[in-house]
Amino acid sequence: MPETMQKSLLRDALGVSELLTSRYAYDASGTVEYLGLAEPGVTNGAAQWLIRKIVYDNQQRPVAILFANGRCKFNAVWDDRASYTYA
C-alpha cells in the first residue's frame, strides 16, 4: 500500500491531531493559552507550526480559539508564539 494511502487511512482512523506533534504553553495562572501542531520532527524554531490561542472569559471558560496571524496555516514559529497577532 502506498505511504500516502497509509497516512490517509491513519488520519481517518485516528484524527489529524493524532498524527502531529503537539505543544502547549500556559499563562501565569497555569491555564493553557497556546496550542501548537506540526509534523513530527519539526523543531520549535521552524516556521512550520499551526498555532492557536485560546481566549477565556472572566470565569476562565474558553470562549474563542484564534489563529496566529489570523491564518489556519502551518507557517508559524512555536518559539515566537507570543509575538503573533491572533484572529
PDB file of N, CA and C in Angstrom:
ATOM      1  N   MET A   1       0.849  -1.174   0.000  1.00  0.00           N
ATOM      2  CA  MET A   1       0.000   0.000   0.000  1.00  0.00           C
ATOM      3  C   MET A   1       0.896   1.239   0.000  1.00  0.00           C
ATOM      4  N   PRO A   2       0.643   2.202  -0.876  1.00  0.00           N
ATOM      5  CA  PRO A   2       1.458   3.428  -0.930  1.00  0.00           C
ATOM      6  C   PRO A   2       1.410   4.181   0.400  1.00  0.00           C
ATOM      7  N   GLU A   3       2.516   4.868   0.727  1.00  0.00           N
ATOM      8  CA  GLU A   3       2.615   5.593   2.001  1.00  0.00           C
ATOM      9  C   GLU A   3       1.541   6.658   2.144  1.00  0.00           C
ATOM     10  N   THR A   4       1.224   7.371   1.066  1.00  0.00           N
ATOM     11  CA  THR A   4       0.188   8.405   1.150  1.00  0.00           C
ATOM     12  C   THR A   4      -1.173   7.801   1.487  1.00  0.00           C
ATOM     13  N   MET A   5      -1.457   6.625   0.973  1.00  0.00           N
ATOM     14  CA  MET A   5      -2.719   5.968   1.286  1.00  0.00           C
ATOM     15  C   MET A   5      -2.728   5.520   2.749  1.00  0.00           C
ATOM     16  N   GLN A   6      -1.588   5.028   3.232  1.00  0.00           N
ATOM     17  CA  GLN A   6      -1.486   4.623   4.642  1.00  0.00           C
ATOM     18  C   GLN A   6      -1.723   5.815   5.561  1.00  0.00           C
ATOM     19  N   LYS A   7      -1.104   6.946   5.243  1.00  0.00           N
ATOM     20  CA  LYS A   7      -1.292   8.150   6.049  1.00  0.00           C
ATOM     21  C   LYS A   7      -2.746   8.593   6.030  1.00  0.00           C
ATOM     22  N   SER A   8      -3.366   8.521   4.871  1.00  0.00           N
ATOM     23  CA  SER A   8      -4.770   8.901   4.751  1.00  0.00           C
ATOM     24  C   SER A   8      -5.660   8.003   5.608  1.00  0.00           C
ATOM     25  N   LEU A   9      -5.405   6.701   5.561  1.00  0.00           N
ATOM     26  CA  LEU A   9      -6.184   5.764   6.373  1.00  0.00           C
ATOM     27  C   LEU A   9      -5.971   6.009   7.862  1.00  0.00           C
ATOM     28  N   LEU A  10      -4.721   6.254   8.263  1.00  0.00           N
ATOM     29  CA  LEU A  10      -4.438   6.551   9.661  1.00  0.00           C
ATOM     30  C   LEU A  10      -5.112   7.841  10.102  1.00  0.00           C
ATOM     31  N   ARG A  11      -5.042   8.864   9.260  1.00  0.00           N
ATOM     32  CA  ARG A  11      -5.663  10.149   9.577  1.00  0.00           C
ATOM     33  C   ARG A  11      -7.161   9.988   9.769  1.00  0.00           C
ATOM     34  N   ASP A  12      -7.792   9.217   8.896  1.00  0.00           N
ATOM     35  CA  ASP A  12      -9.234   8.983   9.005  1.00  0.00           C
ATOM     36  C   ASP A  12      -9.577   8.192  10.266  1.00  0.00           C
ATOM     37  N   ALA A  13      -8.722   7.230  10.615  1.00  0.00           N
ATOM     38  CA  ALA A  13      -8.996   6.378  11.771  1.00  0.00           C
ATOM     39  C   ALA A  13      -8.697   7.077  13.098  1.00  0.00           C
ATOM     40  N   LEU A  14      -7.618   7.843  13.144  1.00  0.00           N
ATOM     41  CA  LEU A  14      -7.176   8.440  14.393  1.00  0.00           C
ATOM     42  C   LEU A  14      -7.576   9.893  14.567  1.00  0.00           C
ATOM     43  N   GLY A  15      -7.772  10.590  13.497  1.00  0.00           N
ATOM     44  CA  GLY A  15      -7.965  12.036  13.562  1.00  0.00           C
ATOM     45  C   GLY A  15      -6.637  12.715  13.264  1.00  0.00           C
ATOM     46  N   VAL A  16      -6.697  13.871  12.656  1.00  0.00           N
ATOM     47  CA  VAL A  16      -5.489  14.570  12.204  1.00  0.00           C
ATOM     48  C   VAL A  16      -4.531  14.857  13.350  1.00  0.00           C
ATOM     49  N   SER A  17      -5.026  15.334  14.478  1.00  0.00           N
ATOM     50  CA  SER A  17      -4.122  15.740  15.553  1.00  0.00           C
ATOM     51  C   SER A  17      -3.325  14.575  16.127  1.00  0.00           C
ATOM     52  N   GLU A  18      -3.806  13.352  15.989  1.00  0.00           N
ATOM     53  CA  GLU A  18      -3.071  12.193  16.491  1.00  0.00           C
ATOM     54  C   GLU A  18      -1.797  11.913  15.698  1.00  0.00           C
ATOM     55  N   LEU A  19      -1.689  12.442  14.502  1.00  0.00           N
ATOM     56  CA  LEU A  19      -0.518  12.210  13.660  1.00  0.00           C
ATOM     57  C   LEU A  19       0.479  13.362  13.711  1.00  0.00           C
ATOM     58  N   LEU A  20       0.213  14.361  14.539  1.00  0.00           N
ATOM     59  CA  LEU A  20       1.051  15.542  14.604  1.00  0.00           C
ATOM     60  C   LEU A  20       1.667  15.699  15.991  1.00  0.00           C
ATOM     61  N   THR A  21       2.790  16.398  16.038  1.00  0.00           N
ATOM     62  CA  THR A  21       3.410  16.766  17.303  1.00  0.00           C
ATOM     63  C   THR A  21       2.605  17.904  17.903  1.00  0.00           C
ATOM     64  N   SER A  22       2.351  17.837  19.203  1.00  0.00           N
ATOM     65  CA  SER A  22       1.587  18.884  19.890  1.00  0.00           C
ATOM     66  C   SER A  22       2.466  19.611  20.893  1.00  0.00           C
ATOM     67  N   ARG A  23       2.221  20.910  21.041  1.00  0.00           N
ATOM     68  CA  ARG A  23       2.872  21.718  22.073  1.00  0.00           C
ATOM     69  C   ARG A  23       1.780  22.518  22.783  1.00  0.00           C
ATOM     70  N   TYR A  24       1.998  22.756  24.085  1.00  0.00           N
ATOM     71  CA  TYR A  24       1.088  23.552  24.892  1.00  0.00           C
ATOM     72  C   TYR A  24       1.910  24.575  25.651  1.00  0.00           C
ATOM     73  N   ALA A  25       1.398  25.808  25.765  1.00  0.00           N
ATOM     74  CA  ALA A  25       2.043  26.843  26.570  1.00  0.00           C
ATOM     75  C   ALA A  25       0.984  27.400  27.522  1.00  0.00           C
ATOM     76  N   TYR A  26       1.405  27.676  28.740  1.00  0.00           N
ATOM     77  CA  TYR A  26       0.489  28.071  29.802  1.00  0.00           C
ATOM     78  C   TYR A  26       0.711  29.522  30.206  1.00  0.00           C
ATOM     79  N   ASP A  27      -0.360  30.174  30.669  1.00  0.00           N
ATOM     80  CA  ASP A  27      -0.226  31.533  31.182  1.00  0.00           C
ATOM     81  C   ASP A  27       0.223  31.469  32.644  1.00  0.00           C
ATOM     82  N   ALA A  28       0.332  32.618  33.291  1.00  0.00           N
ATOM     83  CA  ALA A  28       0.845  32.684  34.658  1.00  0.00           C
ATOM     84  C   ALA A  28      -0.018  31.921  35.663  1.00  0.00           C
ATOM     85  N   SER A  29      -1.303  31.742  35.374  1.00  0.00           N
ATOM     86  CA  SER A  29      -2.194  31.028  36.300  1.00  0.00           C
ATOM     87  C   SER A  29      -2.238  29.529  36.032  1.00  0.00           C
ATOM     88  N   GLY A  30      -1.474  29.061  35.030  1.00  0.00           N
ATOM     89  CA  GLY A  30      -1.430  27.638  34.720  1.00  0.00           C
ATOM     90  C   GLY A  30      -2.490  27.164  33.754  1.00  0.00           C
ATOM     91  N   THR A  31      -3.131  28.093  33.067  1.00  0.00           N
ATOM     92  CA  THR A  31      -4.168  27.780  32.083  1.00  0.00           C
ATOM     93  C   THR A  31      -3.538  27.682  30.692  1.00  0.00           C
ATOM     94  N   VAL A  32      -3.945  26.702  29.909  1.00  0.00           N
ATOM     95  CA  VAL A  32      -3.422  26.582  28.541  1.00  0.00           C
ATOM     96  C   VAL A  32      -3.795  27.834  27.757  1.00  0.00           C
ATOM     97  N   GLU A  33      -2.800  28.494  27.198  1.00  0.00           N
ATOM     98  CA  GLU A  33      -3.028  29.705  26.416  1.00  0.00           C
ATOM     99  C   GLU A  33      -2.770  29.479  24.927  1.00  0.00           C
ATOM    100  N   TYR A  34      -1.741  28.685  24.601  1.00  0.00           N
ATOM    101  CA  TYR A  34      -1.395  28.424  23.205  1.00  0.00           C
ATOM    102  C   TYR A  34      -1.357  26.923  22.953  1.00  0.00           C
ATOM    103  N   LEU A  35      -1.802  26.532  21.764  1.00  0.00           N
ATOM    104  CA  LEU A  35      -1.733  25.152  21.300  1.00  0.00           C
ATOM    105  C   LEU A  35      -0.997  25.160  19.966  1.00  0.00           C
ATOM    106  N   GLY A  36      -0.049  24.241  19.794  1.00  0.00           N
ATOM    107  CA  GLY A  36       0.683  24.164  18.537  1.00  0.00           C
ATOM    108  C   GLY A  36       0.652  22.764  17.965  1.00  0.00           C
ATOM    109  N   LEU A  37       0.593  22.675  16.647  1.00  0.00           N
ATOM    110  CA  LEU A  37       0.640  21.396  15.935  1.00  0.00           C
ATOM    111  C   LEU A  37       1.654  21.498  14.801  1.00  0.00           C
ATOM    112  N   ALA A  38       2.418  20.425  14.605  1.00  0.00           N
ATOM    113  CA  ALA A  38       3.381  20.372  13.498  1.00  0.00           C
ATOM    114  C   ALA A  38       3.635  18.918  13.136  1.00  0.00           C
ATOM    115  N   GLU A  39       4.213  18.712  11.973  1.00  0.00           N
ATOM    116  CA  GLU A  39       4.627  17.374  11.559  1.00  0.00           C
ATOM    117  C   GLU A  39       5.679  16.868  12.535  1.00  0.00           C
ATOM    118  N   PRO A  40       5.725  15.583  12.819  1.00  0.00           N
ATOM    119  CA  PRO A  40       6.764  15.041  13.691  1.00  0.00           C
ATOM    120  C   PRO A  40       8.158  15.411  13.172  1.00  0.00           C
ATOM    121  N   GLY A  41       9.043  15.785  14.080  1.00  0.00           N
ATOM    122  CA  GLY A  41      10.412  16.130  13.723  1.00  0.00           C
ATOM    123  C   GLY A  41      10.648  17.604  13.495  1.00  0.00           C
ATOM    124  N   VAL A  42       9.600  18.403  13.410  1.00  0.00           N
ATOM    125  CA  VAL A  42       9.757  19.844  13.205  1.00  0.00           C
ATOM    126  C   VAL A  42      10.256  20.468  14.515  1.00  0.00           C
ATOM    127  N   THR A  43      11.280  21.318  14.427  1.00  0.00           N
ATOM    128  CA  THR A  43      11.818  21.970  15.617  1.00  0.00           C
ATOM    129  C   THR A  43      10.944  23.162  16.021  1.00  0.00           C
ATOM    130  N   ASN A  44      11.073  23.582  17.274  1.00  0.00           N
ATOM    131  CA  ASN A  44      10.290  24.717  17.775  1.00  0.00           C
ATOM    132  C   ASN A  44      10.634  26.017  17.067  1.00  0.00           C
ATOM    133  N   GLY A  45      11.812  26.105  16.452  1.00  0.00           N
ATOM    134  CA  GLY A  45      12.237  27.312  15.757  1.00  0.00           C
ATOM    135  C   GLY A  45      11.918  27.335  14.273  1.00  0.00           C
ATOM    136  N   ALA A  46      11.315  26.267  13.759  1.00  0.00           N
ATOM    137  CA  ALA A  46      10.973  26.206  12.327  1.00  0.00           C
ATOM    138  C   ALA A  46       9.612  26.850  12.076  1.00  0.00           C
ATOM    139  N   ALA A  47       9.485  27.508  10.939  1.00  0.00           N
ATOM    140  CA  ALA A  47       8.226  28.160  10.558  1.00  0.00           C
ATOM    141  C   ALA A  47       7.281  27.141   9.917  1.00  0.00           C
ATOM    142  N   GLN A  48       6.931  26.097  10.697  1.00  0.00           N
ATOM    143  CA  GLN A  48       6.090  25.014  10.186  1.00  0.00           C
ATOM    144  C   GLN A  48       5.014  24.606  11.203  1.00  0.00           C
ATOM    145  N   TRP A  49       4.649  25.532  12.085  1.00  0.00           N
ATOM    146  CA  TRP A  49       3.671  25.245  13.126  1.00  0.00           C
ATOM    147  C   TRP A  49       2.331  25.903  12.837  1.00  0.00           C
ATOM    148  N   LEU A  50       1.267  25.221  13.206  1.00  0.00           N
ATOM    149  CA  LEU A  50      -0.075  25.799  13.258  1.00  0.00           C
ATOM    150  C   LEU A  50      -0.274  26.154  14.724  1.00  0.00           C
ATOM    151  N   ILE A  51      -0.415  27.441  15.018  1.00  0.00           N
ATOM    152  CA  ILE A  51      -0.523  27.880  16.410  1.00  0.00           C
ATOM    153  C   ILE A  51      -1.890  28.513  16.642  1.00  0.00           C
ATOM    154  N   ARG A  52      -2.518  28.069  17.735  1.00  0.00           N
ATOM    155  CA  ARG A  52      -3.821  28.604  18.127  1.00  0.00           C
ATOM    156  C   ARG A  52      -3.723  29.178  19.536  1.00  0.00           C
ATOM    157  N   LYS A  53      -4.469  30.236  19.778  1.00  0.00           N
ATOM    158  CA  LYS A  53      -4.527  30.855  21.098  1.00  0.00           C
ATOM    159  C   LYS A  53      -5.949  30.707  21.630  1.00  0.00           C
ATOM    160  N   ILE A  54      -6.062  30.271  22.876  1.00  0.00           N
ATOM    161  CA  ILE A  54      -7.371  30.122  23.494  1.00  0.00           C
ATOM    162  C   ILE A  54      -7.677  31.396  24.277  1.00  0.00           C
ATOM    163  N   VAL A  55      -8.854  31.954  24.055  1.00  0.00           N
ATOM    164  CA  VAL A  55      -9.315  33.144  24.768  1.00  0.00           C
ATOM    165  C   VAL A  55     -10.354  32.701  25.792  1.00  0.00           C
ATOM    166  N   TYR A  56     -10.211  33.196  27.008  1.00  0.00           N
ATOM    167  CA  TYR A  56     -11.105  32.833  28.104  1.00  0.00           C
ATOM    168  C   TYR A  56     -11.913  34.041  28.561  1.00  0.00           C
ATOM    169  N   ASP A  57     -13.104  33.776  29.110  1.00  0.00           N
ATOM    170  CA  ASP A  57     -13.876  34.859  29.718  1.00  0.00           C
ATOM    171  C   ASP A  57     -13.413  35.056  31.157  1.00  0.00           C
ATOM    172  N   ASN A  58     -14.065  35.968  31.898  1.00  0.00           N
ATOM    173  CA  ASN A  58     -13.613  36.281  33.255  1.00  0.00           C
ATOM    174  C   ASN A  58     -13.860  35.147  34.256  1.00  0.00           C
ATOM    175  N   GLN A  59     -14.564  34.099  33.838  1.00  0.00           N
ATOM    176  CA  GLN A  59     -14.767  32.922  34.692  1.00  0.00           C
ATOM    177  C   GLN A  59     -13.882  31.750  34.249  1.00  0.00           C
ATOM    178  N   GLN A  60     -12.881  32.061  33.415  1.00  0.00           N
ATOM    179  CA  GLN A  60     -11.922  31.072  32.920  1.00  0.00           C
ATOM    180  C   GLN A  60     -12.552  29.991  32.049  1.00  0.00           C
ATOM    181  N   ARG A  61     -13.631  30.346  31.350  1.00  0.00           N
ATOM    182  CA  ARG A  61     -14.235  29.431  30.378  1.00  0.00           C
ATOM    183  C   ARG A  61     -13.716  29.798  28.996  1.00  0.00           C
ATOM    184  N   PRO A  62     -13.305  28.812  28.187  1.00  0.00           N
ATOM    185  CA  PRO A  62     -12.851  29.132  26.824  1.00  0.00           C
ATOM    186  C   PRO A  62     -14.008  29.674  25.996  1.00  0.00           C
ATOM    187  N   VAL A  63     -13.770  30.799  25.322  1.00  0.00           N
ATOM    188  CA  VAL A  63     -14.814  31.425  24.512  1.00  0.00           C
ATOM    189  C   VAL A  63     -14.425  31.562  23.042  1.00  0.00           C
ATOM    190  N   ALA A  64     -13.128  31.404  22.726  1.00  0.00           N
ATOM    191  CA  ALA A  64     -12.690  31.520  21.324  1.00  0.00           C
ATOM    192  C   ALA A  64     -11.338  30.841  21.157  1.00  0.00           C
ATOM    193  N   ILE A  65     -11.105  30.357  19.948  1.00  0.00           N
ATOM    194  CA  ILE A  65      -9.787  29.858  19.560  1.00  0.00           C
ATOM    195  C   ILE A  65      -9.384  30.647  18.321  1.00  0.00           C
ATOM    196  N   LEU A  66      -8.268  31.347  18.436  1.00  0.00           N
ATOM    197  CA  LEU A  66      -7.789  32.220  17.369  1.00  0.00           C
ATOM    198  C   LEU A  66      -6.502  31.652  16.780  1.00  0.00           C
ATOM    199  N   PHE A  67      -6.199  32.036  15.543  1.00  0.00           N
ATOM    200  CA  PHE A  67      -5.027  31.524  14.830  1.00  0.00           C
ATOM    201  C   PHE A  67      -3.945  32.592  14.701  1.00  0.00           C
ATOM    202  N   ALA A  68      -2.686  32.149  14.765  1.00  0.00           N
ATOM    203  CA  ALA A  68      -1.555  33.059  14.573  1.00  0.00           C
ATOM    204  C   ALA A  68      -1.669  33.748  13.228  1.00  0.00           C
ATOM    205  N   ASN A  69      -1.553  35.066  13.250  1.00  0.00           N
ATOM    206  CA  ASN A  69      -1.679  35.909  12.053  1.00  0.00           C
ATOM    207  C   ASN A  69      -3.032  35.729  11.370  1.00  0.00           C
ATOM    208  N   GLY A  70      -4.026  35.209  12.094  1.00  0.00           N
ATOM    209  CA  GLY A  70      -5.372  35.055  11.542  1.00  0.00           C
ATOM    210  C   GLY A  70      -5.463  34.014  10.440  1.00  0.00           C
ATOM    211  N   ARG A  71      -4.489  33.099  10.388  1.00  0.00           N
ATOM    212  CA  ARG A  71      -4.440  32.104   9.304  1.00  0.00           C
ATOM    213  C   ARG A  71      -4.356  30.693   9.869  1.00  0.00           C
ATOM    214  N   CYS A  72      -5.092  29.793   9.279  1.00  0.00           N
ATOM    215  CA  CYS A  72      -5.044  28.375   9.639  1.00  0.00           C
ATOM    216  C   CYS A  72      -4.011  27.712   8.726  1.00  0.00           C
ATOM    217  N   LYS A  73      -2.720  28.024   8.995  1.00  0.00           N
ATOM    218  CA  LYS A  73      -1.633  27.514   8.159  1.00  0.00           C
ATOM    219  C   LYS A  73      -0.475  27.049   9.031  1.00  0.00           C
ATOM    220  N   PHE A  74       0.258  26.106   8.514  1.00  0.00           N
ATOM    221  CA  PHE A  74       1.447  25.586   9.190  1.00  0.00           C
ATOM    222  C   PHE A  74       2.655  26.431   8.778  1.00  0.00           C
ATOM    223  N   ASN A  75       2.684  27.701   9.217  1.00  0.00           N
ATOM    224  CA  ASN A  75       3.761  28.592   8.797  1.00  0.00           C
ATOM    225  C   ASN A  75       4.266  29.487   9.927  1.00  0.00           C
ATOM    226  N   ALA A  76       3.951  29.146  11.166  1.00  0.00           N
ATOM    227  CA  ALA A  76       4.377  29.956  12.302  1.00  0.00           C
ATOM    228  C   ALA A  76       5.513  29.250  13.048  1.00  0.00           C
ATOM    229  N   VAL A  77       6.233  30.015  13.854  1.00  0.00           N
ATOM    230  CA  VAL A  77       7.336  29.507  14.664  1.00  0.00           C
ATOM    231  C   VAL A  77       6.841  29.366  16.099  1.00  0.00           C
ATOM    232  N   TRP A  78       6.895  28.168  16.648  1.00  0.00           N
ATOM    233  CA  TRP A  78       6.398  27.934  18.007  1.00  0.00           C
ATOM    234  C   TRP A  78       7.098  28.843  19.021  1.00  0.00           C
ATOM    235  N   ASP A  79       8.398  29.008  18.908  1.00  0.00           N
ATOM    236  CA  ASP A  79       9.135  29.839  19.857  1.00  0.00           C
ATOM    237  C   ASP A  79       8.700  31.302  19.806  1.00  0.00           C
ATOM    238  N   ASP A  80       8.086  31.750  18.728  1.00  0.00           N
ATOM    239  CA  ASP A  80       7.653  33.139  18.560  1.00  0.00           C
ATOM    240  C   ASP A  80       6.159  33.330  18.821  1.00  0.00           C
ATOM    241  N   ARG A  81       5.484  32.355  19.388  1.00  0.00           N
ATOM    242  CA  ARG A  81       4.021  32.353  19.507  1.00  0.00           C
ATOM    243  C   ARG A  81       3.463  33.625  20.161  1.00  0.00           C
ATOM    244  N   ALA A  82       4.129  34.171  21.158  1.00  0.00           N
ATOM    245  CA  ALA A  82       3.599  35.345  21.856  1.00  0.00           C
ATOM    246  C   ALA A  82       3.694  36.616  21.020  1.00  0.00           C
ATOM    247  N   SER A  83       4.508  36.612  19.974  1.00  0.00           N
ATOM    248  CA  SER A  83       4.687  37.822  19.172  1.00  0.00           C
ATOM    249  C   SER A  83       3.681  37.972  18.028  1.00  0.00           C
ATOM    250  N   TYR A  84       2.902  36.928  17.763  1.00  0.00           N
ATOM    251  CA  TYR A  84       1.952  36.974  16.646  1.00  0.00           C
ATOM    252  C   TYR A  84       0.676  37.719  17.029  1.00  0.00           C
ATOM    253  N   THR A  85      -0.017  38.199  16.004  1.00  0.00           N
ATOM    254  CA  THR A  85      -1.358  38.753  16.159  1.00  0.00           C
ATOM    255  C   THR A  85      -2.321  37.592  15.946  1.00  0.00           C
ATOM    256  N   TYR A  86      -3.337  37.478  16.784  1.00  0.00           N
ATOM    257  CA  TYR A  86      -4.275  36.357  16.690  1.00  0.00           C
ATOM    258  C   TYR A  86      -5.654  36.855  16.300  1.00  0.00           C
ATOM    259  N   ALA A  87      -6.240  36.149  15.346  1.00  0.00           N
ATOM    260  CA  ALA A  87      -7.592  36.487  14.889  1.00  0.00           C
ATOM    261  C   ALA A  87      -8.306  35.219  14.485  1.00  0.00           C
TER     262      ALA A  87
END
